[in-house]
Amino acid sequence: MMIIGRKISRKNNQQIHNLLYDRSKLETVSETSAILNEFAIVALIEFSIDSYPDIPFRDGVLTVYFIVSCLLVSIHLLALLMSVCISPEITSVLCQKVYWINNKNEELLSTVTIYIEIA
């Protein structure tokens, strides 16, 4: 009977460890996305094509630069949005771990793991 209790305890500890790891990944994504967005916005503001009038494909370079910068900002904002929305859910599950441990059949937050990995 003691061995079964230890296996359940190890499984619960592993699940709690996985949740803490997911939460730390989301916090890192949030911080990194915020920093990268700031750099991208500064790069958009400081880009000056007028200082190079002799570039033959100036308008094309400018268009491609703005498209790539907008994609960069939008992808990082999406990751930031995902981390901001999922992180409180993980925190609430960790706060209710007594309820979570007692309901062994119910795998909480199993549907959001793909979103955590995408972010």
C-alpha atoms as a PDB file:
ATOM      1  CA  MET A   1       0.000   0.000   0.000  1.00  0.00           C
ATOM      2  CA  MET A   2       2.896   2.344   0.761  1.00  0.00           C
ATOM      3  CA  ILE A   3       4.408   1.819  -2.710  1.00  0.00           C
ATOM      4  CA  ILE A   4       1.156   2.803  -4.416  1.00  0.00           C
ATOM      5  CA  GLY A   5       0.998   5.964  -2.306  1.00  0.00           C
ATOM      6  CA  ARG A   6       4.552   6.861  -3.294  1.00  0.00           C
ATOM      7  CA  LYS A   7       3.779   6.339  -6.997  1.00  0.00           C
ATOM      8  CA  ILE A   8       0.752   8.607  -6.769  1.00  0.00           C
ATOM      9  CA  SER A   9       2.769  11.169  -4.840  1.00  0.00           C
ATOM     10  CA  ARG A  10       5.544  11.084  -7.464  1.00  0.00           C
ATOM     11  CA  LYS A  11       3.007  11.450 -10.258  1.00  0.00           C
ATOM     12  CA  ASN A  12       1.391  14.420  -8.522  1.00  0.00           C
ATOM     13  CA  ASN A  13       4.783  15.997  -7.875  1.00  0.00           C
ATOM     14  CA  GLN A  14       5.691  15.532 -11.540  1.00  0.00           C
ATOM     15  CA  GLN A  15       2.423  17.140 -12.658  1.00  0.00           C
ATOM     16  CA  ILE A  16       2.962  20.086 -10.329  1.00  0.00           C
ATOM     17  CA  HIS A  17       6.545  20.382 -11.567  1.00  0.00           C
ATOM     18  CA  ASN A  18       5.285  20.403 -15.176  1.00  0.00           C
ATOM     19  CA  LEU A  19       2.808  23.160 -14.356  1.00  0.00           C
ATOM     20  CA  LEU A  20       5.503  25.249 -12.695  1.00  0.00           C
ATOM     21  CA  TYR A  21       7.745  24.687 -15.717  1.00  0.00           C
ATOM     22  CA  ASP A  22       4.960  25.754 -18.110  1.00  0.00           C
ATOM     23  CA  ARG A  23       4.329  28.854 -16.033  1.00  0.00           C
ATOM     24  CA  SER A  24       8.006  29.800 -16.108  1.00  0.00           C
ATOM     25  CA  LYS A  25       8.081  29.269 -19.885  1.00  0.00           C
ATOM     26  CA  LEU A  26       5.105  31.600 -20.282  1.00  0.00           C
ATOM     27  CA  GLU A  27       6.710  34.252 -18.095  1.00  0.00           C
ATOM     28  CA  THR A  28       9.879  34.037 -20.183  1.00  0.00           C
ATOM     29  CA  VAL A  29       7.875  34.311 -23.405  1.00  0.00           C
ATOM     30  CA  SER A  30       6.083  37.340 -22.040  1.00  0.00           C
ATOM     31  CA  GLU A  31       9.291  39.137 -21.105  1.00  0.00           C
ATOM     32  CA  THR A  32      11.071  38.224 -24.341  1.00  0.00           C
ATOM     33  CA  SER A  33       8.145  39.293 -26.510  1.00  0.00           C
ATOM     34  CA  ALA A  34       7.919  42.636 -24.773  1.00  0.00           C
ATOM     35  CA  ILE A  35      11.624  43.299 -25.280  1.00  0.00           C
ATOM     36  CA  LEU A  36      11.593  42.215 -28.935  1.00  0.00           C
ATOM     37  CA  ASN A  37       8.532  44.364 -29.656  1.00  0.00           C
ATOM     38  CA  GLU A  38      10.290  47.390 -28.234  1.00  0.00           C
ATOM     39  CA  PHE A  39      13.314  46.769 -30.462  1.00  0.00           C
ATOM     40  CA  ALA A  40      11.115  46.313 -33.530  1.00  0.00           C
ATOM     41  CA  ILE A  41       9.219  49.528 -32.850  1.00  0.00           C
ATOM     42  CA  VAL A  42      12.448  51.456 -32.350  1.00  0.00           C
ATOM     43  CA  ALA A  43      13.773  50.005 -35.614  1.00  0.00           C
ATOM     44  CA  LEU A  44      10.625  51.131 -37.425  1.00  0.00           C
ATOM     45  CA  ILE A  45      10.921  54.640 -36.045  1.00  0.00           C
ATOM     46  CA  GLU A  46      14.621  55.059 -36.749  1.00  0.00           C
ATOM     47  CA  PHE A  47      14.561  53.664 -40.274  1.00  0.00           C
ATOM     48  CA  SER A  48      15.316  56.529 -42.644  1.00  0.00           C
ATOM     49  CA  ILE A  49      15.409  55.785 -46.345  1.00  0.00           C
ATOM     50  CA  ASP A  50      15.820  59.460 -47.281  1.00  0.00           C
ATOM     51  CA  SER A  51      19.446  59.412 -46.219  1.00  0.00           C
ATOM     52  CA  TYR A  52      20.208  56.969 -49.074  1.00  0.00           C
ATOM     53  CA  PRO A  53      18.728  58.564 -52.212  1.00  0.00           C
ATOM     54  CA  ASP A  54      20.937  56.647 -54.652  1.00  0.00           C
ATOM     55  CA  ILE A  55      19.544  53.169 -53.826  1.00  0.00           C
ATOM     56  CA  PRO A  56      17.794  51.944 -57.013  1.00  0.00           C
ATOM     57  CA  PHE A  57      15.101  49.799 -55.339  1.00  0.00           C
ATOM     58  CA  ARG A  58      14.412  52.113 -52.434  1.00  0.00           C
ATOM     59  CA  ASP A  59      10.628  51.719 -52.410  1.00  0.00           C
ATOM     60  CA  GLY A  60      10.801  47.927 -52.630  1.00  0.00           C
ATOM     61  CA  VAL A  61      13.321  47.721 -49.804  1.00  0.00           C
ATOM     62  CA  LEU A  62      11.156  49.991 -47.691  1.00  0.00           C
ATOM     63  CA  THR A  63       8.030  47.930 -48.371  1.00  0.00           C
ATOM     64  CA  VAL A  64       9.717  44.617 -47.573  1.00  0.00           C
ATOM     65  CA  TYR A  65      11.253  46.077 -44.413  1.00  0.00           C
ATOM     66  CA  PHE A  66       7.896  47.316 -43.130  1.00  0.00           C
ATOM     67  CA  ILE A  67       6.146  44.036 -43.951  1.00  0.00           C
ATOM     68  CA  VAL A  68       8.778  41.974 -42.143  1.00  0.00           C
ATOM     69  CA  SER A  69       8.738  44.342 -39.162  1.00  0.00           C
ATOM     70  CA  CYS A  70       4.947  44.209 -38.933  1.00  0.00           C
ATOM     71  CA  LEU A  71       5.015  40.403 -39.072  1.00  0.00           C
ATOM     72  CA  LEU A  72       7.629  40.338 -36.332  1.00  0.00           C
ATOM     73  CA  VAL A  73       5.585  42.621 -34.102  1.00  0.00           C
ATOM     74  CA  SER A  74       2.334  40.734 -34.732  1.00  0.00           C
ATOM     75  CA  ILE A  75       3.869  37.318 -33.991  1.00  0.00           C
ATOM     76  CA  HIS A  76       5.384  38.545 -30.748  1.00  0.00           C
ATOM     77  CA  LEU A  77       2.143  40.248 -29.740  1.00  0.00           C
ATOM     78  CA  LEU A  78       0.313  36.973 -30.360  1.00  0.00           C
ATOM     79  CA  ALA A  79       2.788  35.115 -28.147  1.00  0.00           C
ATOM     80  CA  LEU A  80       2.434  37.812 -25.495  1.00  0.00           C
ATOM     81  CA  LEU A  81      -1.355  37.605 -25.644  1.00  0.00           C
ATOM     82  CA  MET A  82      -1.273  33.830 -25.307  1.00  0.00           C
ATOM     83  CA  SER A  83       1.063  33.946 -22.334  1.00  0.00           C
ATOM     84  CA  VAL A  84      -0.964  36.657 -20.606  1.00  0.00           C
ATOM     85  CA  CYS A  85      -4.185  34.679 -21.034  1.00  0.00           C
ATOM     86  CA  ILE A  86      -2.856  31.256 -20.020  1.00  0.00           C
ATOM     87  CA  SER A  87      -0.582  32.223 -17.120  1.00  0.00           C
ATOM     88  CA  PRO A  88      -3.410  33.115 -14.670  1.00  0.00           C
ATOM     89  CA  GLU A  89      -5.063  29.767 -15.380  1.00  0.00           C
ATOM     90  CA  ILE A  90      -1.902  27.899 -14.442  1.00  0.00           C
ATOM     91  CA  THR A  91      -1.578  29.994 -11.292  1.00  0.00           C
ATOM     92  CA  SER A  92      -5.163  29.227 -10.261  1.00  0.00           C
ATOM     93  CA  VAL A  93      -4.623  25.497 -10.826  1.00  0.00           C
ATOM     94  CA  LEU A  94      -1.484  25.603  -8.698  1.00  0.00           C
ATOM     95  CA  CYS A  95      -3.395  27.407  -5.939  1.00  0.00           C
ATOM     96  CA  GLN A  96      -6.053  24.675  -6.021  1.00  0.00           C
ATOM     97  CA  LYS A  97      -3.646  21.737  -6.090  1.00  0.00           C
ATOM     98  CA  VAL A  98      -5.424  19.929  -3.227  1.00  0.00           C
ATOM     99  CA  TYR A  99      -8.586  19.734  -5.347  1.00  0.00           C
ATOM    100  CA  TRP A 100      -6.495  18.873  -8.401  1.00  0.00           C
ATOM    101  CA  ILE A 101      -4.648  16.014  -6.663  1.00  0.00           C
ATOM    102  CA  ASN A 102      -7.908  14.486  -5.395  1.00  0.00           C
ATOM    103  CA  ASN A 103      -9.412  14.394  -8.921  1.00  0.00           C
ATOM    104  CA  LYS A 104      -6.973  11.982 -10.531  1.00  0.00           C
ATOM    105  CA  ASN A 105      -9.117  11.306 -13.593  1.00  0.00           C
ATOM    106  CA  GLU A 106      -9.247  14.953 -14.553  1.00  0.00           C
ATOM    107  CA  GLU A 107      -6.202  16.335 -16.356  1.00  0.00           C
ATOM    108  CA  LEU A 108      -6.422  20.073 -15.882  1.00  0.00           C
ATOM    109  CA  LEU A 109      -4.931  22.339 -18.534  1.00  0.00           C
ATOM    110  CA  SER A 110      -4.253  19.431 -20.875  1.00  0.00           C
ATOM    111  CA  THR A 111      -5.885  21.334 -23.730  1.00  0.00           C
ATOM    112  CA  VAL A 112      -3.701  24.424 -23.387  1.00  0.00           C
ATOM    113  CA  THR A 113      -0.325  22.690 -23.550  1.00  0.00           C
ATOM    114  CA  ILE A 114      -0.236  23.112 -27.330  1.00  0.00           C
ATOM    115  CA  TYR A 115      -0.778  26.859 -26.910  1.00  0.00           C
ATOM    116  CA  ILE A 116       2.017  27.029 -24.356  1.00  0.00           C
ATOM    117  CA  GLU A 117       4.382  25.349 -26.795  1.00  0.00           C
ATOM    118  CA  ILE A 118       3.293  27.650 -29.650  1.00  0.00           C
ATOM    119  CA  ALA A 119       3.885  30.727 -27.499  1.00  0.00           C
END
